[in-house]
Amino acid sequence: SGYVVAAPAYPFTKKDGPKFDKTDVPNQAVDASFVITQMM
């Protein structure tokens, strides 16, 4: 539809990750901003 879509796999909530931690979600938001910066 005309969008660039960047999708990171988060370290503690992704499928088949070594450790699951649902409390890591706020850190994922910081990860998301970091990925946006890296893309540009």
PDB file of all heavy atoms in Angstrom:
ATOM      1  N   SER A   1       0.802  -1.213   0.000  1.00  0.00           N
ATOM      2  CA  SER A   1       0.000   0.000   0.000  1.00  0.00           C
ATOM      3  C   SER A   1       0.841   1.272   0.000  1.00  0.00           C
ATOM      4  O   SER A   1       0.284   2.371   0.072  1.00  0.00           O
ATOM      5  CB  SER A   1      -0.925   0.000   1.227  1.00  0.00           C
ATOM      6  OG  SER A   1      -1.685  -1.183   1.276  1.00  0.00           O
ATOM      7  N   GLY A   2       2.160   1.147  -0.044  1.00  0.00           N
ATOM      8  CA  GLY A   2       3.021   2.322  -0.156  1.00  0.00           C
ATOM      9  C   GLY A   2       3.699   2.755   1.123  1.00  0.00           C
ATOM     10  O   GLY A   2       4.043   3.925   1.270  1.00  0.00           O
ATOM     11  N   TYR A   3       3.927   1.826   2.041  1.00  0.00           N
ATOM     12  CA  TYR A   3       4.603   2.136   3.298  1.00  0.00           C
ATOM     13  C   TYR A   3       5.856   1.290   3.455  1.00  0.00           C
ATOM     14  O   TYR A   3       5.901   0.138   3.018  1.00  0.00           O
ATOM     15  CB  TYR A   3       3.667   1.881   4.489  1.00  0.00           C
ATOM     16  CG  TYR A   3       2.525   2.850   4.551  1.00  0.00           C
ATOM     17  CD1 TYR A   3       1.342   2.614   3.844  1.00  0.00           C
ATOM     18  CD2 TYR A   3       2.624   4.025   5.289  1.00  0.00           C
ATOM     19  CE1 TYR A   3       0.290   3.523   3.879  1.00  0.00           C
ATOM     20  CE2 TYR A   3       1.578   4.936   5.327  1.00  0.00           C
ATOM     21  CZ  TYR A   3       0.417   4.681   4.621  1.00  0.00           C
ATOM     22  OH  TYR A   3      -0.623   5.591   4.644  1.00  0.00           O
ATOM     23  N   VAL A   4       6.871   1.869   4.100  1.00  0.00           N
ATOM     24  CA  VAL A   4       8.028   1.103   4.550  1.00  0.00           C
ATOM     25  C   VAL A   4       7.699   0.649   5.969  1.00  0.00           C
ATOM     26  O   VAL A   4       7.324   1.457   6.818  1.00  0.00           O
ATOM     27  CB  VAL A   4       9.307   1.952   4.553  1.00  0.00           C
ATOM     28  CG1 VAL A   4      10.483   1.164   5.121  1.00  0.00           C
ATOM     29  CG2 VAL A   4       9.625   2.443   3.140  1.00  0.00           C
ATOM     30  N   VAL A   5       7.811  -0.647   6.224  1.00  0.00           N
ATOM     31  CA  VAL A   5       7.423  -1.201   7.522  1.00  0.00           C
ATOM     32  C   VAL A   5       8.614  -1.895   8.163  1.00  0.00           C
ATOM     33  O   VAL A   5       9.127  -2.880   7.616  1.00  0.00           O
ATOM     34  CB  VAL A   5       6.257  -2.194   7.380  1.00  0.00           C
ATOM     35  CG1 VAL A   5       5.797  -2.672   8.759  1.00  0.00           C
ATOM     36  CG2 VAL A   5       5.096  -1.559   6.624  1.00  0.00           C
ATOM     37  N   ALA A   6       9.070  -1.383   9.297  1.00  0.00           N
ATOM     38  CA  ALA A   6      10.184  -1.965  10.033  1.00  0.00           C
ATOM     39  C   ALA A   6       9.654  -2.668  11.268  1.00  0.00           C
ATOM     40  O   ALA A   6       8.937  -2.070  12.075  1.00  0.00           O
ATOM     41  CB  ALA A   6      11.182  -0.885  10.430  1.00  0.00           C
ATOM     42  N   ALA A   7       9.996  -3.960  11.428  1.00  0.00           N
ATOM     43  CA  ALA A   7       9.450  -4.767  12.526  1.00  0.00           C
ATOM     44  C   ALA A   7      10.577  -5.459  13.278  1.00  0.00           C
ATOM     45  O   ALA A   7      11.110  -6.474  12.814  1.00  0.00           O
ATOM     46  CB  ALA A   7       8.460  -5.791  11.976  1.00  0.00           C
ATOM     47  N   PRO A   8      10.961  -4.934  14.442  1.00  0.00           N
ATOM     48  CA  PRO A   8      11.987  -5.595  15.243  1.00  0.00           C
ATOM     49  C   PRO A   8      11.426  -6.783  16.011  1.00  0.00           C
ATOM     50  O   PRO A   8      10.233  -6.829  16.328  1.00  0.00           O
ATOM     51  CB  PRO A   8      12.441  -4.494  16.205  1.00  0.00           C
ATOM     52  CG  PRO A   8      11.245  -3.612  16.351  1.00  0.00           C
ATOM     53  CD  PRO A   8      10.521  -3.656  15.030  1.00  0.00           C
ATOM     54  N   ALA A   9      12.286  -7.752  16.307  1.00  0.00           N
ATOM     55  CA  ALA A   9      11.940  -8.851  17.206  1.00  0.00           C
ATOM     56  C   ALA A   9      12.508  -8.496  18.568  1.00  0.00           C
ATOM     57  O   ALA A   9      13.718  -8.357  18.736  1.00  0.00           O
ATOM     58  CB  ALA A   9      12.523 -10.166  16.702  1.00  0.00           C
ATOM     59  N   TYR A  10      11.624  -8.329  19.547  1.00  0.00           N
ATOM     60  CA  TYR A  10      12.057  -7.867  20.865  1.00  0.00           C
ATOM     61  C   TYR A  10      12.660  -9.017  21.681  1.00  0.00           C
ATOM     62  O   TYR A  10      12.151 -10.149  21.658  1.00  0.00           O
ATOM     63  CB  TYR A  10      10.877  -7.240  21.601  1.00  0.00           C
ATOM     64  CG  TYR A  10      10.361  -5.987  20.919  1.00  0.00           C
ATOM     65  CD1 TYR A  10       9.070  -5.939  20.385  1.00  0.00           C
ATOM     66  CD2 TYR A  10      11.170  -4.861  20.793  1.00  0.00           C
ATOM     67  CE1 TYR A  10       8.598  -4.788  19.758  1.00  0.00           C
ATOM     68  CE2 TYR A  10      10.708  -3.711  20.169  1.00  0.00           C
ATOM     69  CZ  TYR A  10       9.419  -3.679  19.652  1.00  0.00           C
ATOM     70  OH  TYR A  10       8.963  -2.546  19.027  1.00  0.00           O
ATOM     71  N   PRO A  11      13.745  -8.750  22.410  1.00  0.00           N
ATOM     72  CA  PRO A  11      14.530  -9.834  23.012  1.00  0.00           C
ATOM     73  C   PRO A  11      13.825 -10.677  24.057  1.00  0.00           C
ATOM     74  O   PRO A  11      14.101 -11.881  24.169  1.00  0.00           O
ATOM     75  CB  PRO A  11      15.731  -9.096  23.631  1.00  0.00           C
ATOM     76  CG  PRO A  11      15.318  -7.673  23.757  1.00  0.00           C
ATOM     77  CD  PRO A  11      14.361  -7.426  22.638  1.00  0.00           C
ATOM     78  N   PHE A  12      12.872 -10.109  24.811  1.00  0.00           N
ATOM     79  CA  PHE A  12      12.295 -10.857  25.925  1.00  0.00           C
ATOM     80  C   PHE A  12      10.811 -11.190  25.755  1.00  0.00           C
ATOM     81  O   PHE A  12      10.194 -11.716  26.688  1.00  0.00           O
ATOM     82  CB  PHE A  12      12.517 -10.092  27.230  1.00  0.00           C
ATOM     83  CG  PHE A  12      13.968  -9.938  27.580  1.00  0.00           C
ATOM     84  CD1 PHE A  12      14.568  -8.689  27.507  1.00  0.00           C
ATOM     85  CD2 PHE A  12      14.747 -11.026  27.932  1.00  0.00           C
ATOM     86  CE1 PHE A  12      15.920  -8.535  27.804  1.00  0.00           C
ATOM     87  CE2 PHE A  12      16.093 -10.891  28.236  1.00  0.00           C
ATOM     88  CZ  PHE A  12      16.676  -9.634  28.176  1.00  0.00           C
ATOM     89  N   THR A  13      10.239 -10.881  24.598  1.00  0.00           N
ATOM     90  CA  THR A  13       8.837 -11.260  24.375  1.00  0.00           C
ATOM     91  C   THR A  13       8.638 -11.985  23.047  1.00  0.00           C
ATOM     92  O   THR A  13       7.524 -12.398  22.738  1.00  0.00           O
ATOM     93  CB  THR A  13       7.899 -10.026  24.404  1.00  0.00           C
ATOM     94  OG1 THR A  13       8.232  -9.133  23.339  1.00  0.00           O
ATOM     95  CG2 THR A  13       8.000  -9.296  25.744  1.00  0.00           C
ATOM     96  N   LYS A  14       9.684 -12.166  22.266  1.00  0.00           N
ATOM     97  CA  LYS A  14       9.533 -12.818  20.963  1.00  0.00           C
ATOM     98  C   LYS A  14       9.349 -14.319  21.114  1.00  0.00           C
ATOM     99  O   LYS A  14       9.669 -14.918  22.153  1.00  0.00           O
ATOM    100  CB  LYS A  14      10.753 -12.535  20.095  1.00  0.00           C
ATOM    101  CG  LYS A  14      12.049 -13.148  20.613  1.00  0.00           C
ATOM    102  CD  LYS A  14      13.228 -12.753  19.747  1.00  0.00           C
ATOM    103  CE  LYS A  14      14.535 -13.326  20.294  1.00  0.00           C
ATOM    104  NZ  LYS A  14      15.700 -12.901  19.479  1.00  0.00           N
ATOM    105  N   LYS A  15       8.825 -14.926  20.080  1.00  0.00           N
ATOM    106  CA  LYS A  15       8.640 -16.375  20.035  1.00  0.00           C
ATOM    107  C   LYS A  15       9.999 -17.069  20.083  1.00  0.00           C
ATOM    108  O   LYS A  15      10.947 -16.657  19.398  1.00  0.00           O
ATOM    109  CB  LYS A  15       7.893 -16.765  18.755  1.00  0.00           C
ATOM    110  CG  LYS A  15       7.641 -18.254  18.588  1.00  0.00           C
ATOM    111  CD  LYS A  15       6.870 -18.517  17.301  1.00  0.00           C
ATOM    112  CE  LYS A  15       6.765 -20.003  16.994  1.00  0.00           C
ATOM    113  NZ  LYS A  15       6.041 -20.736  18.046  1.00  0.00           N
ATOM    114  N   ASP A  16      10.089 -18.115  20.883  1.00  0.00           N
ATOM    115  CA  ASP A  16      11.295 -18.936  20.995  1.00  0.00           C
ATOM    116  C   ASP A  16      12.505 -18.165  21.520  1.00  0.00           C
ATOM    117  O   ASP A  16      13.644 -18.546  21.279  1.00  0.00           O
ATOM    118  CB  ASP A  16      11.652 -19.572  19.638  1.00  0.00           C
ATOM    119  CG  ASP A  16      10.558 -20.487  19.126  1.00  0.00           C
ATOM    120  OD1 ASP A  16       9.890 -21.130  19.960  1.00  0.00           O
ATOM    121  OD2 ASP A  16      10.362 -20.548  17.896  1.00  0.00           O
ATOM    122  N   GLY A  17      12.242 -17.076  22.235  1.00  0.00           N
ATOM    123  CA  GLY A  17      13.347 -16.360  22.867  1.00  0.00           C
ATOM    124  C   GLY A  17      13.881 -17.141  24.054  1.00  0.00           C
ATOM    125  O   GLY A  17      13.199 -18.000  24.627  1.00  0.00           O
ATOM    126  N   PRO A  18      15.119 -16.866  24.475  1.00  0.00           N
ATOM    127  CA  PRO A  18      15.716 -17.620  25.579  1.00  0.00           C
ATOM    128  C   PRO A  18      15.065 -17.346  26.930  1.00  0.00           C
ATOM    129  O   PRO A  18      15.134 -18.165  27.835  1.00  0.00           O
ATOM    130  CB  PRO A  18      17.170 -17.142  25.572  1.00  0.00           C
ATOM    131  CG  PRO A  18      17.129 -15.793  24.931  1.00  0.00           C
ATOM    132  CD  PRO A  18      16.041 -15.883  23.900  1.00  0.00           C
ATOM    133  N   LYS A  19      14.431 -16.186  27.064  1.00  0.00           N
ATOM    134  CA  LYS A  19      13.800 -15.818  28.328  1.00  0.00           C
ATOM    135  C   LYS A  19      12.627 -14.899  28.044  1.00  0.00           C
ATOM    136  O   LYS A  19      12.745 -13.980  27.240  1.00  0.00           O
ATOM    137  CB  LYS A  19      14.813 -15.105  29.234  1.00  0.00           C
ATOM    138  CG  LYS A  19      14.253 -14.661  30.575  1.00  0.00           C
ATOM    139  CD  LYS A  19      15.303 -13.906  31.380  1.00  0.00           C
ATOM    140  CE  LYS A  19      14.746 -13.413  32.701  1.00  0.00           C
ATOM    141  NZ  LYS A  19      15.745 -12.640  33.472  1.00  0.00           N
ATOM    142  N   PHE A  20      11.491 -15.162  28.697  1.00  0.00           N
ATOM    143  CA  PHE A  20      10.324 -14.315  28.508  1.00  0.00           C
ATOM    144  C   PHE A  20      10.147 -13.403  29.715  1.00  0.00           C
ATOM    145  O   PHE A  20      10.233 -13.844  30.864  1.00  0.00           O
ATOM    146  CB  PHE A  20       9.062 -15.151  28.316  1.00  0.00           C
ATOM    147  CG  PHE A  20       7.803 -14.332  28.218  1.00  0.00           C
ATOM    148  CD1 PHE A  20       7.500 -13.657  27.043  1.00  0.00           C
ATOM    149  CD2 PHE A  20       6.932 -14.220  29.295  1.00  0.00           C
ATOM    150  CE1 PHE A  20       6.350 -12.880  26.947  1.00  0.00           C
ATOM    151  CE2 PHE A  20       5.781 -13.458  29.214  1.00  0.00           C
ATOM    152  CZ  PHE A  20       5.494 -12.787  28.022  1.00  0.00           C
ATOM    153  N   ASP A  21       9.886 -12.117  29.455  1.00  0.00           N
ATOM    154  CA  ASP A  21       9.683 -11.155  30.524  1.00  0.00           C
ATOM    155  C   ASP A  21       8.666 -10.112  30.075  1.00  0.00           C
ATOM    156  O   ASP A  21       8.993  -9.191  29.334  1.00  0.00           O
ATOM    157  CB  ASP A  21      11.003 -10.479  30.893  1.00  0.00           C
ATOM    158  CG  ASP A  21      10.856  -9.488  32.042  1.00  0.00           C
ATOM    159  OD1 ASP A  21       9.755  -9.393  32.617  1.00  0.00           O
ATOM    160  OD2 ASP A  21      11.853  -8.799  32.351  1.00  0.00           O
ATOM    161  N   LYS A  22       7.429 -10.272  30.528  1.00  0.00           N
ATOM    162  CA  LYS A  22       6.378  -9.353  30.099  1.00  0.00           C
ATOM    163  C   LYS A  22       6.569  -7.949  30.643  1.00  0.00           C
ATOM    164  O   LYS A  22       5.999  -6.989  30.116  1.00  0.00           O
ATOM    165  CB  LYS A  22       5.004  -9.888  30.505  1.00  0.00           C
ATOM    166  CG  LYS A  22       4.755  -9.934  32.003  1.00  0.00           C
ATOM    167  CD  LYS A  22       3.367 -10.482  32.297  1.00  0.00           C
ATOM    168  CE  LYS A  22       3.088 -10.508  33.800  1.00  0.00           C
ATOM    169  NZ  LYS A  22       1.742 -11.056  34.097  1.00  0.00           N
ATOM    170  N   THR A  23       7.375  -7.798  31.685  1.00  0.00           N
ATOM    171  CA  THR A  23       7.608  -6.461  32.252  1.00  0.00           C
ATOM    172  C   THR A  23       8.588  -5.638  31.419  1.00  0.00           C
ATOM    173  O   THR A  23       8.841  -4.477  31.730  1.00  0.00           O
ATOM    174  CB  THR A  23       8.147  -6.567  33.691  1.00  0.00           C
ATOM    175  OG1 THR A  23       9.462  -7.137  33.677  1.00  0.00           O
ATOM    176  CG2 THR A  23       7.230  -7.423  34.551  1.00  0.00           C
ATOM    177  N   ASP A  24       9.129  -6.238  30.364  1.00  0.00           N
ATOM    178  CA  ASP A  24      10.118  -5.548  29.526  1.00  0.00           C
ATOM    179  C   ASP A  24       9.478  -4.600  28.514  1.00  0.00           C
ATOM    180  O   ASP A  24      10.183  -3.914  27.777  1.00  0.00           O
ATOM    181  CB  ASP A  24      10.981  -6.589  28.795  1.00  0.00           C
ATOM    182  CG  ASP A  24      12.217  -5.992  28.150  1.00  0.00           C
ATOM    183  OD1 ASP A  24      12.992  -5.322  28.851  1.00  0.00           O
ATOM    184  OD2 ASP A  24      12.382  -6.172  26.926  1.00  0.00           O
ATOM    185  N   VAL A  25       8.149  -4.562  28.448  1.00  0.00           N
ATOM    186  CA  VAL A  25       7.459  -3.783  27.416  1.00  0.00           C
ATOM    187  C   VAL A  25       7.882  -2.311  27.369  1.00  0.00           C
ATOM    188  O   VAL A  25       8.094  -1.782  26.265  1.00  0.00           O
ATOM    189  CB  VAL A  25       5.929  -3.931  27.567  1.00  0.00           C
ATOM    190  CG1 VAL A  25       5.189  -2.943  26.675  1.00  0.00           C
ATOM    191  CG2 VAL A  25       5.513  -5.350  27.198  1.00  0.00           C
ATOM    192  N   PRO A  26       8.026  -1.595  28.482  1.00  0.00           N
ATOM    193  CA  PRO A  26       8.482  -0.202  28.374  1.00  0.00           C
ATOM    194  C   PRO A  26       9.840  -0.070  27.684  1.00  0.00           C
ATOM    195  O   PRO A  26      10.072   0.885  26.932  1.00  0.00           O
ATOM    196  CB  PRO A  26       8.548   0.262  29.835  1.00  0.00           C
ATOM    197  CG  PRO A  26       7.559  -0.604  30.546  1.00  0.00           C
ATOM    198  CD  PRO A  26       7.664  -1.940  29.880  1.00  0.00           C
ATOM    199  N   ASN A  27      10.722  -1.050  27.909  1.00  0.00           N
ATOM    200  CA  ASN A  27      12.018  -1.026  27.224  1.00  0.00           C
ATOM    201  C   ASN A  27      11.854  -1.250  25.724  1.00  0.00           C
ATOM    202  O   ASN A  27      12.644  -0.746  24.923  1.00  0.00           O
ATOM    203  CB  ASN A  27      12.941  -2.095  27.807  1.00  0.00           C
ATOM    204  CG  ASN A  27      13.352  -1.800  29.230  1.00  0.00           C
ATOM    205  OD1 ASN A  27      13.574  -0.643  29.590  1.00  0.00           O
ATOM    206  ND2 ASN A  27      13.439  -2.832  30.051  1.00  0.00           N
ATOM    207  N   GLN A  28      10.824  -2.012  25.345  1.00  0.00           N
ATOM    208  CA  GLN A  28      10.577  -2.235  23.917  1.00  0.00           C
ATOM    209  C   GLN A  28      10.244  -0.936  23.201  1.00  0.00           C
ATOM    210  O   GLN A  28      10.588  -0.771  22.027  1.00  0.00           O
ATOM    211  CB  GLN A  28       9.431  -3.249  23.735  1.00  0.00           C
ATOM    212  CG  GLN A  28       9.770  -4.635  24.216  1.00  0.00           C
ATOM    213  CD  GLN A  28       8.678  -5.645  23.954  1.00  0.00           C
ATOM    214  OE1 GLN A  28       8.878  -6.846  24.156  1.00  0.00           O
ATOM    215  NE2 GLN A  28       7.509  -5.222  23.513  1.00  0.00           N
ATOM    216  N   ALA A  29       9.564  -0.029  23.895  1.00  0.00           N
ATOM    217  CA  ALA A  29       9.253   1.259  23.282  1.00  0.00           C
ATOM    218  C   ALA A  29      10.535   2.029  22.972  1.00  0.00           C
ATOM    219  O   ALA A  29      10.649   2.671  21.927  1.00  0.00           O
ATOM    220  CB  ALA A  29       8.336   2.069  24.198  1.00  0.00           C
ATOM    221  N   VAL A  30      11.510   1.952  23.867  1.00  0.00           N
ATOM    222  CA  VAL A  30      12.801   2.592  23.608  1.00  0.00           C
ATOM    223  C   VAL A  30      13.497   1.898  22.440  1.00  0.00           C
ATOM    224  O   VAL A  30      14.115   2.544  21.585  1.00  0.00           O
ATOM    225  CB  VAL A  30      13.680   2.570  24.873  1.00  0.00           C
ATOM    226  CG1 VAL A  30      15.014   3.270  24.617  1.00  0.00           C
ATOM    227  CG2 VAL A  30      12.959   3.231  26.042  1.00  0.00           C
ATOM    228  N   ASP A  31      13.382   0.561  22.396  1.00  0.00           N
ATOM    229  CA  ASP A  31      13.919  -0.187  21.253  1.00  0.00           C
ATOM    230  C   ASP A  31      13.294   0.286  19.943  1.00  0.00           C
ATOM    231  O   ASP A  31      13.978   0.445  18.923  1.00  0.00           O
ATOM    232  CB  ASP A  31      13.620  -1.684  21.404  1.00  0.00           C
ATOM    233  CG  ASP A  31      14.366  -2.342  22.554  1.00  0.00           C
ATOM    234  OD1 ASP A  31      15.405  -1.813  22.982  1.00  0.00           O
ATOM    235  OD2 ASP A  31      13.893  -3.411  23.005  1.00  0.00           O
ATOM    236  N   ALA A  32      11.984   0.484  19.964  1.00  0.00           N
ATOM    237  CA  ALA A  32      11.267   0.902  18.758  1.00  0.00           C
ATOM    238  C   ALA A  32      11.797   2.233  18.246  1.00  0.00           C
ATOM    239  O   ALA A  32      12.048   2.398  17.040  1.00  0.00           O
ATOM    240  CB  ALA A  32       9.768   1.001  19.048  1.00  0.00           C
ATOM    241  N   SER A  33      11.983   3.193  19.138  1.00  0.00           N
ATOM    242  CA  SER A  33      12.529   4.492  18.735  1.00  0.00           C
ATOM    243  C   SER A  33      13.940   4.336  18.180  1.00  0.00           C
ATOM    244  O   SER A  33      14.322   5.005  17.210  1.00  0.00           O
ATOM    245  CB  SER A  33      12.534   5.451  19.928  1.00  0.00           C
ATOM    246  OG  SER A  33      11.226   5.806  20.297  1.00  0.00           O
ATOM    247  N   PHE A  34      14.714   3.454  18.788  1.00  0.00           N
ATOM    248  CA  PHE A  34      16.085   3.198  18.322  1.00  0.00           C
ATOM    249  C   PHE A  34      16.073   2.651  16.899  1.00  0.00           C
ATOM    250  O   PHE A  34      16.876   3.073  16.047  1.00  0.00           O
ATOM    251  CB  PHE A  34      16.757   2.216  19.274  1.00  0.00           C
ATOM    252  CG  PHE A  34      18.121   1.761  18.831  1.00  0.00           C
ATOM    253  CD1 PHE A  34      19.234   2.557  19.031  1.00  0.00           C
ATOM    254  CD2 PHE A  34      18.292   0.526  18.214  1.00  0.00           C
ATOM    255  CE1 PHE A  34      20.500   2.139  18.620  1.00  0.00           C
ATOM    256  CE2 PHE A  34      19.548   0.091  17.803  1.00  0.00           C
ATOM    257  CZ  PHE A  34      20.652   0.901  18.007  1.00  0.00           C
ATOM    258  N   VAL A  35      15.170   1.714  16.634  1.00  0.00           N
ATOM    259  CA  VAL A  35      15.094   1.127  15.285  1.00  0.00           C
ATOM    260  C   VAL A  35      14.703   2.192  14.260  1.00  0.00           C
ATOM    261  O   VAL A  35      15.245   2.224  13.145  1.00  0.00           O
ATOM    262  CB  VAL A  35      14.115  -0.063  15.278  1.00  0.00           C
ATOM    263  CG1 VAL A  35      13.804  -0.504  13.843  1.00  0.00           C
ATOM    264  CG2 VAL A  35      14.694  -1.225  16.070  1.00  0.00           C
ATOM    265  N   ILE A  36      13.781   3.070  14.610  1.00  0.00           N
ATOM    266  CA  ILE A  36      13.410   4.158  13.701  1.00  0.00           C
ATOM    267  C   ILE A  36      14.646   4.992  13.351  1.00  0.00           C
ATOM    268  O   ILE A  36      14.889   5.322  12.177  1.00  0.00           O
ATOM    269  CB  ILE A  36      12.315   5.044  14.328  1.00  0.00           C
ATOM    270  CG1 ILE A  36      11.001   4.272  14.422  1.00  0.00           C
ATOM    271  CG2 ILE A  36      12.122   6.328  13.516  1.00  0.00           C
ATOM    272  CD1 ILE A  36       9.916   4.997  15.204  1.00  0.00           C
ATOM    273  N   THR A  37      15.440   5.320  14.363  1.00  0.00           N
ATOM    274  CA  THR A  37      16.665   6.105  14.140  1.00  0.00           C
ATOM    275  C   THR A  37      17.623   5.357  13.228  1.00  0.00           C
ATOM    276  O   THR A  37      18.201   5.945  12.304  1.00  0.00           O
ATOM    277  CB  THR A  37      17.349   6.411  15.485  1.00  0.00           C
ATOM    278  OG1 THR A  37      16.459   7.193  16.294  1.00  0.00           O
ATOM    279  CG2 THR A  37      18.647   7.174  15.280  1.00  0.00           C
ATOM    280  N   GLN A  38      17.784   4.065  13.461  1.00  0.00           N
ATOM    281  CA  GLN A  38      18.707   3.269  12.633  1.00  0.00           C
ATOM    282  C   GLN A  38      18.226   3.187  11.185  1.00  0.00           C
ATOM    283  O   GLN A  38      19.039   3.178  10.259  1.00  0.00           O
ATOM    284  CB  GLN A  38      18.855   1.861  13.222  1.00  0.00           C
ATOM    285  CG  GLN A  38      19.497   1.821  14.591  1.00  0.00           C
ATOM    286  CD  GLN A  38      20.865   2.485  14.622  1.00  0.00           C
ATOM    287  OE1 GLN A  38      21.765   2.115  13.870  1.00  0.00           O
ATOM    288  NE2 GLN A  38      21.010   3.481  15.477  1.00  0.00           N
ATOM    289  N   MET A  39      16.926   3.129  10.987  1.00  0.00           N
ATOM    290  CA  MET A  39      16.391   3.040   9.631  1.00  0.00           C
ATOM    291  C   MET A  39      16.669   4.309   8.836  1.00  0.00           C
ATOM    292  O   MET A  39      16.835   4.260   7.609  1.00  0.00           O
ATOM    293  CB  MET A  39      14.886   2.780   9.675  1.00  0.00           C
ATOM    294  CG  MET A  39      14.505   1.371  10.087  1.00  0.00           C
ATOM    295  SD  MET A  39      15.177   0.099   8.986  1.00  0.00           S
ATOM    296  CE  MET A  39      14.513   0.607   7.409  1.00  0.00           C
ATOM    297  N   MET A  40      16.721   5.448   9.500  1.00  0.00           N
ATOM    298  CA  MET A  40      16.926   6.713   8.803  1.00  0.00           C
ATOM    299  C   MET A  40      18.378   7.169   8.824  1.00  0.00           C
ATOM    300  O   MET A  40      18.716   8.224   8.292  1.00  0.00           O
ATOM    301  CB  MET A  40      16.028   7.793   9.419  1.00  0.00           C
ATOM    302  CG  MET A  40      14.546   7.486   9.285  1.00  0.00           C
ATOM    303  SD  MET A  40      13.495   8.891   9.745  1.00  0.00           S
ATOM    304  CE  MET A  40      13.887   9.060  11.485  1.00  0.00           C
TER     305      MET A  40
END
